[in-house]
C-alpha atoms as a PDB file:
ATOM      1  CA  MET A   1      44.406   9.518  -9.469  1.00  0.00           C
ATOM      2  CA  THR A   2      46.606  10.799 -12.022  1.00  0.00           C
ATOM      3  CA  THR A   3      48.372  13.822 -10.998  1.00  0.00           C
ATOM      4  CA  THR A   4      50.838  16.005 -12.868  1.00  0.00           C
ATOM      5  CA  ILE A   5      54.679  17.530 -12.385  1.00  0.00           C
ATOM      6  CA  GLN A   6      55.724  20.718 -13.850  1.00  0.00           C
ATOM      7  CA  LEU A   7      58.743  20.050 -16.280  1.00  0.00           C
ATOM      8  CA  LEU A   8      61.527  22.348 -17.629  1.00  0.00           C
ATOM      9  CA  ALA A   9      64.183  21.371 -19.849  1.00  0.00           C
ATOM     10  CA  PHE A  10      66.879  22.431 -20.859  1.00  0.00           C
ATOM     11  CA  GLY A  11      69.624  22.308 -23.312  1.00  0.00           C
ATOM     12  CA  GLY A  12      69.123  19.670 -25.459  1.00  0.00           C
ATOM     13  CA  THR A  13      66.404  18.085 -23.568  1.00  0.00           C
ATOM     14  CA  LYS A  14      64.781  20.825 -24.317  1.00  0.00           C
ATOM     15  CA  ASN A  15      65.126  19.812 -28.233  1.00  0.00           C
ATOM     16  CA  ILE A  16      64.431  16.226 -27.297  1.00  0.00           C
ATOM     17  CA  VAL A  17      60.835  16.693 -25.572  1.00  0.00           C
ATOM     18  CA  GLY A  18      60.387  19.862 -27.555  1.00  0.00           C
ATOM     19  CA  VAL A  19      59.263  22.270 -24.959  1.00  0.00           C
ATOM     20  CA  SER A  20      60.900  24.355 -22.484  1.00  0.00           C
ATOM     21  CA  ARG A  21      57.474  24.158 -20.029  1.00  0.00           C
ATOM     22  CA  SER A  22      54.825  21.532 -20.401  1.00  0.00           C
ATOM     23  CA  GLN A  23      52.887  19.568 -18.167  1.00  0.00           C
ATOM     24  CA  PHE A  24      53.975  15.955 -16.929  1.00  0.00           C
ATOM     25  CA  PRO A  25      51.544  13.442 -15.868  1.00  0.00           C
ATOM     26  CA  ILE A  26      52.829  11.029 -12.922  1.00  0.00           C
ATOM     27  CA  ASP A  27      50.316   8.957 -10.911  1.00  0.00           C
ATOM     28  CA  ALA A  28      51.198   9.827  -7.465  1.00  0.00           C
ATOM     29  CA  SER A  29      54.207  10.584  -5.190  1.00  0.00           C
ATOM     30  CA  CYS A  30      57.708   8.462  -6.961  1.00  0.00           C
ATOM     31  CA  SER A  31      61.474   8.949  -6.330  1.00  0.00           C
ATOM     32  CA  ALA A  32      63.249  10.882  -8.805  1.00  0.00           C
ATOM     33  CA  GLY A  33      64.903   8.004 -10.529  1.00  0.00           C
ATOM     34  CA  GLU A  34      61.568   6.818 -10.970  1.00  0.00           C
ATOM     35  CA  LEU A  35      60.365   9.966 -12.965  1.00  0.00           C
ATOM     36  CA  LEU A  36      63.618   9.574 -15.034  1.00  0.00           C
ATOM     37  CA  ASP A  37      62.958   6.379 -15.354  1.00  0.00           C
ATOM     38  CA  ALA A  38      59.102   7.273 -17.020  1.00  0.00           C
ATOM     39  CA  LEU A  39      60.029  10.339 -19.393  1.00  0.00           C
ATOM     40  CA  CYS A  40      62.831   8.016 -20.470  1.00  0.00           C
ATOM     41  CA  ARG A  41      60.277   5.767 -21.657  1.00  0.00           C
ATOM     42  CA  ARG A  42      58.129   9.109 -22.626  1.00  0.00           C
ATOM     43  CA  TYR A  43      61.128  10.335 -25.160  1.00  0.00           C
ATOM     44  CA  PRO A  44      63.341   7.860 -25.733  1.00  0.00           C
ATOM     45  CA  ALA A  45      66.128   9.764 -27.091  1.00  0.00           C
ATOM     46  CA  LEU A  46      66.474  11.026 -23.919  1.00  0.00           C
ATOM     47  CA  ALA A  47      67.864   7.091 -22.441  1.00  0.00           C
ATOM     48  CA  PRO A  48      71.842   7.842 -23.786  1.00  0.00           C
ATOM     49  CA  GLN A  49      71.536  10.730 -21.616  1.00  0.00           C
ATOM     50  CA  ARG A  50      70.047   8.627 -18.402  1.00  0.00           C
ATOM     51  CA  GLN A  51      73.250   8.626 -16.450  1.00  0.00           C
ATOM     52  CA  VAL A  52      74.311  11.866 -16.975  1.00  0.00           C
ATOM     53  CA  LEU A  53      70.956  13.666 -16.409  1.00  0.00           C
ATOM     54  CA  ARG A  54      70.547  15.467 -12.953  1.00  0.00           C
ATOM     55  CA  LEU A  55      67.448  16.903 -11.823  1.00  0.00           C
ATOM     56  CA  ALA A  56      66.565  19.453 -10.330  1.00  0.00           C
ATOM     57  CA  VAL A  57      62.789  19.707  -8.245  1.00  0.00           C
ATOM     58  CA  ASN A  58      61.649  22.958  -6.620  1.00  0.00           C
ATOM     59  CA  GLY A  59      64.994  25.191  -7.795  1.00  0.00           C
ATOM     60  CA  ALA A  60      67.206  22.267  -5.416  1.00  0.00           C
ATOM     61  CA  TYR A  61      69.585  19.733  -7.056  1.00  0.00           C
ATOM     62  CA  VAL A  62      68.302  15.799  -5.677  1.00  0.00           C
ATOM     63  CA  THR A  63      69.642  12.705  -5.458  1.00  0.00           C
ATOM     64  CA  LEU A  64      68.100   9.944  -7.821  1.00  0.00           C
ATOM     65  CA  ASP A  65      66.111   8.865  -4.757  1.00  0.00           C
ATOM     66  CA  ALA A  66      64.136  11.777  -3.719  1.00  0.00           C
ATOM     67  CA  ARG A  67      61.051  11.423  -4.172  1.00  0.00           C
ATOM     68  CA  VAL A  68      58.909  13.944  -6.457  1.00  0.00           C
ATOM     69  CA  ALA A  69      54.792  14.924  -5.632  1.00  0.00           C
ATOM     70  CA  PRO A  70      52.601  15.968  -8.064  1.00  0.00           C
ATOM     71  CA  ASN A  71      53.139  19.962  -8.439  1.00  0.00           C
ATOM     72  CA  ASP A  72      56.497  19.897  -8.159  1.00  0.00           C
ATOM     73  CA  GLU A  73      58.844  21.877 -10.439  1.00  0.00           C
ATOM     74  CA  VAL A  74      61.111  19.704 -12.602  1.00  0.00           C
ATOM     75  CA  ALA A  75      64.929  20.382 -14.101  1.00  0.00           C
ATOM     76  CA  LEU A  76      66.078  18.052 -16.751  1.00  0.00           C
ATOM     77  CA  ILE A  77      69.292  19.784 -16.436  1.00  0.00           C
ATOM     78  CA  PRO A  78      71.957  18.456 -19.196  1.00  0.00           C
ATOM     79  CA  PRO A  79      75.674  17.838 -18.793  1.00  0.00           C
ATOM     80  CA  VAL A  80      77.408  21.812 -19.583  1.00  0.00           C
ATOM     81  CA  ALA A  81      80.717  21.894 -21.096  1.00  0.00           C
ATOM     82  CA  GLY A  82      82.868  25.254 -20.371  1.00  0.00           C
ATOM     83  CA  GLY A  83      85.654  26.533 -21.658  1.00  0.00           C
END
């Protein structure tokens, strides 16, 4: 059974995904790393940034082994530069 997560894209990831908010299908609970892999397959331009992208699930930064469940809100957080 396929369900979805709410995907939020910020900064350059918004340009790659094409929108700032969308639904992204997942088959079941997965790790954040597995989700990131799936996102890179769907949006190949994300792949070069994979090592520096951070994910936040339901408003909290997570490691790549954290679980992502259907209906979670997942944000793609690119690196930011300050000055």
